[in-house]
Amino acid sequence: MKSFSTLLIAAAMLVVVGCNTVKGVGQDLQKAGETIEDAAKKK
């Protein structure tokens, strides 16, 4: 039972970390898109 609990906690931590990573990538892509959009407007 102890090893199952440890495994469950480890899996939950990976999910939380993965969500934060995906969120960060999304924000980075959004910023890149805004930069490209601004550059296109200046031309």
N, C-alpha and C. Protein backbone atom coordinates (compact mmCIF):
# COMPACT_ATOMS: atom_id res chain seq x y z
N MET A 1 0.82 -1.19 0.00
CA MET A 1 0.00 0.00 0.00
C MET A 1 0.87 1.26 0.00
N LYS A 2 1.99 1.23 0.72
CA LYS A 2 2.86 2.40 0.79
C LYS A 2 3.45 2.72 -0.58
N SER A 3 3.88 1.70 -1.33
CA SER A 3 4.46 1.94 -2.65
C SER A 3 3.41 2.46 -3.62
N PHE A 4 2.17 2.00 -3.48
CA PHE A 4 1.09 2.49 -4.33
C PHE A 4 0.84 3.98 -4.07
N SER A 5 0.83 4.36 -2.80
CA SER A 5 0.63 5.76 -2.45
C SER A 5 1.76 6.63 -2.98
N THR A 6 2.97 6.14 -2.87
CA THR A 6 4.13 6.87 -3.38
C THR A 6 4.02 7.04 -4.89
N LEU A 7 3.63 5.98 -5.57
CA LEU A 7 3.47 6.03 -7.03
C LEU A 7 2.37 7.02 -7.42
N LEU A 8 1.29 7.00 -6.68
CA LEU A 8 0.17 7.91 -6.96
C LEU A 8 0.59 9.37 -6.77
N ILE A 9 1.31 9.65 -5.71
CA ILE A 9 1.79 11.01 -5.45
C ILE A 9 2.77 11.44 -6.55
N ALA A 10 3.66 10.56 -6.94
CA ALA A 10 4.63 10.89 -7.98
C ALA A 10 3.92 11.17 -9.31
N ALA A 11 2.91 10.39 -9.64
CA ALA A 11 2.16 10.60 -10.88
C ALA A 11 1.42 11.95 -10.83
N ALA A 12 0.84 12.28 -9.68
CA ALA A 12 0.14 13.56 -9.54
C ALA A 12 1.10 14.73 -9.71
N MET A 13 2.30 14.60 -9.17
CA MET A 13 3.29 15.66 -9.29
C MET A 13 3.70 15.85 -10.75
N LEU A 14 3.86 14.76 -11.49
CA LEU A 14 4.23 14.86 -12.89
C LEU A 14 3.13 15.55 -13.70
N VAL A 15 1.89 15.26 -13.38
CA VAL A 15 0.77 15.89 -14.09
C VAL A 15 0.77 17.39 -13.83
N VAL A 16 0.98 17.79 -12.59
CA VAL A 16 0.99 19.21 -12.24
C VAL A 16 2.15 19.92 -12.94
N VAL A 17 3.31 19.32 -12.94
CA VAL A 17 4.47 19.92 -13.59
C VAL A 17 4.24 20.00 -15.10
N GLY A 18 3.65 18.96 -15.68
CA GLY A 18 3.37 18.95 -17.11
C GLY A 18 2.40 20.06 -17.50
N CYS A 19 1.39 20.29 -16.68
CA CYS A 19 0.42 21.35 -16.98
C CYS A 19 1.09 22.71 -16.96
N ASN A 20 1.95 22.94 -16.00
CA ASN A 20 2.65 24.23 -15.94
C ASN A 20 3.55 24.41 -17.15
N THR A 21 4.17 23.33 -17.59
CA THR A 21 5.06 23.41 -18.75
C THR A 21 4.27 23.75 -20.00
N VAL A 22 3.15 23.09 -20.19
CA VAL A 22 2.31 23.34 -21.37
C VAL A 22 1.79 24.77 -21.34
N LYS A 23 1.41 25.25 -20.16
CA LYS A 23 0.94 26.62 -20.03
C LYS A 23 2.04 27.60 -20.41
N GLY A 24 3.25 27.33 -19.96
CA GLY A 24 4.39 28.20 -20.29
C GLY A 24 4.69 28.23 -21.77
N VAL A 25 4.61 27.07 -22.41
CA VAL A 25 4.84 27.01 -23.85
C VAL A 25 3.77 27.81 -24.58
N GLY A 26 2.53 27.68 -24.12
CA GLY A 26 1.44 28.44 -24.73
C GLY A 26 1.66 29.94 -24.62
N GLN A 27 2.12 30.38 -23.47
CA GLN A 27 2.39 31.80 -23.29
C GLN A 27 3.54 32.26 -24.19
N ASP A 28 4.57 31.43 -24.32
CA ASP A 28 5.69 31.78 -25.18
C ASP A 28 5.23 31.90 -26.64
N LEU A 29 4.40 30.97 -27.09
CA LEU A 29 3.90 31.02 -28.46
C LEU A 29 3.03 32.24 -28.68
N GLN A 30 2.26 32.60 -27.67
CA GLN A 30 1.41 33.78 -27.79
C GLN A 30 2.26 35.03 -27.93
N LYS A 31 3.31 35.14 -27.13
CA LYS A 31 4.19 36.31 -27.22
C LYS A 31 4.87 36.37 -28.58
N ALA A 32 5.31 35.21 -29.09
CA ALA A 32 5.95 35.17 -30.41
C ALA A 32 4.96 35.62 -31.49
N GLY A 33 3.73 35.17 -31.38
CA GLY A 33 2.71 35.57 -32.34
C GLY A 33 2.45 37.07 -32.30
N GLU A 34 2.41 37.63 -31.10
CA GLU A 34 2.20 39.08 -30.96
C GLU A 34 3.36 39.85 -31.59
N THR A 35 4.57 39.36 -31.41
CA THR A 35 5.75 40.02 -31.98
C THR A 35 5.68 40.00 -33.50
N ILE A 36 5.31 38.86 -34.06
CA ILE A 36 5.20 38.75 -35.52
C ILE A 36 4.09 39.66 -36.03
N GLU A 37 2.99 39.69 -35.30
CA GLU A 37 1.87 40.55 -35.70
C GLU A 37 2.27 42.01 -35.68
N ASP A 38 2.99 42.43 -34.65
CA ASP A 38 3.45 43.82 -34.56
C ASP A 38 4.40 44.15 -35.70
N ALA A 39 5.28 43.22 -36.04
CA ALA A 39 6.23 43.45 -37.12
C ALA A 39 5.49 43.57 -38.45
N ALA A 40 4.45 42.79 -38.65
CA ALA A 40 3.68 42.85 -39.89
C ALA A 40 2.92 44.18 -39.99
N LYS A 41 2.46 44.70 -38.88
CA LYS A 41 1.72 45.97 -38.89
C LYS A 41 2.63 47.13 -39.23
N LYS A 42 3.91 47.04 -38.86
CA LYS A 42 4.86 48.14 -39.10
C LYS A 42 5.24 48.26 -40.56
N LYS A 43 5.09 47.21 -41.34
CA LYS A 43 5.51 47.24 -42.75
C LYS A 43 4.53 47.95 -43.62
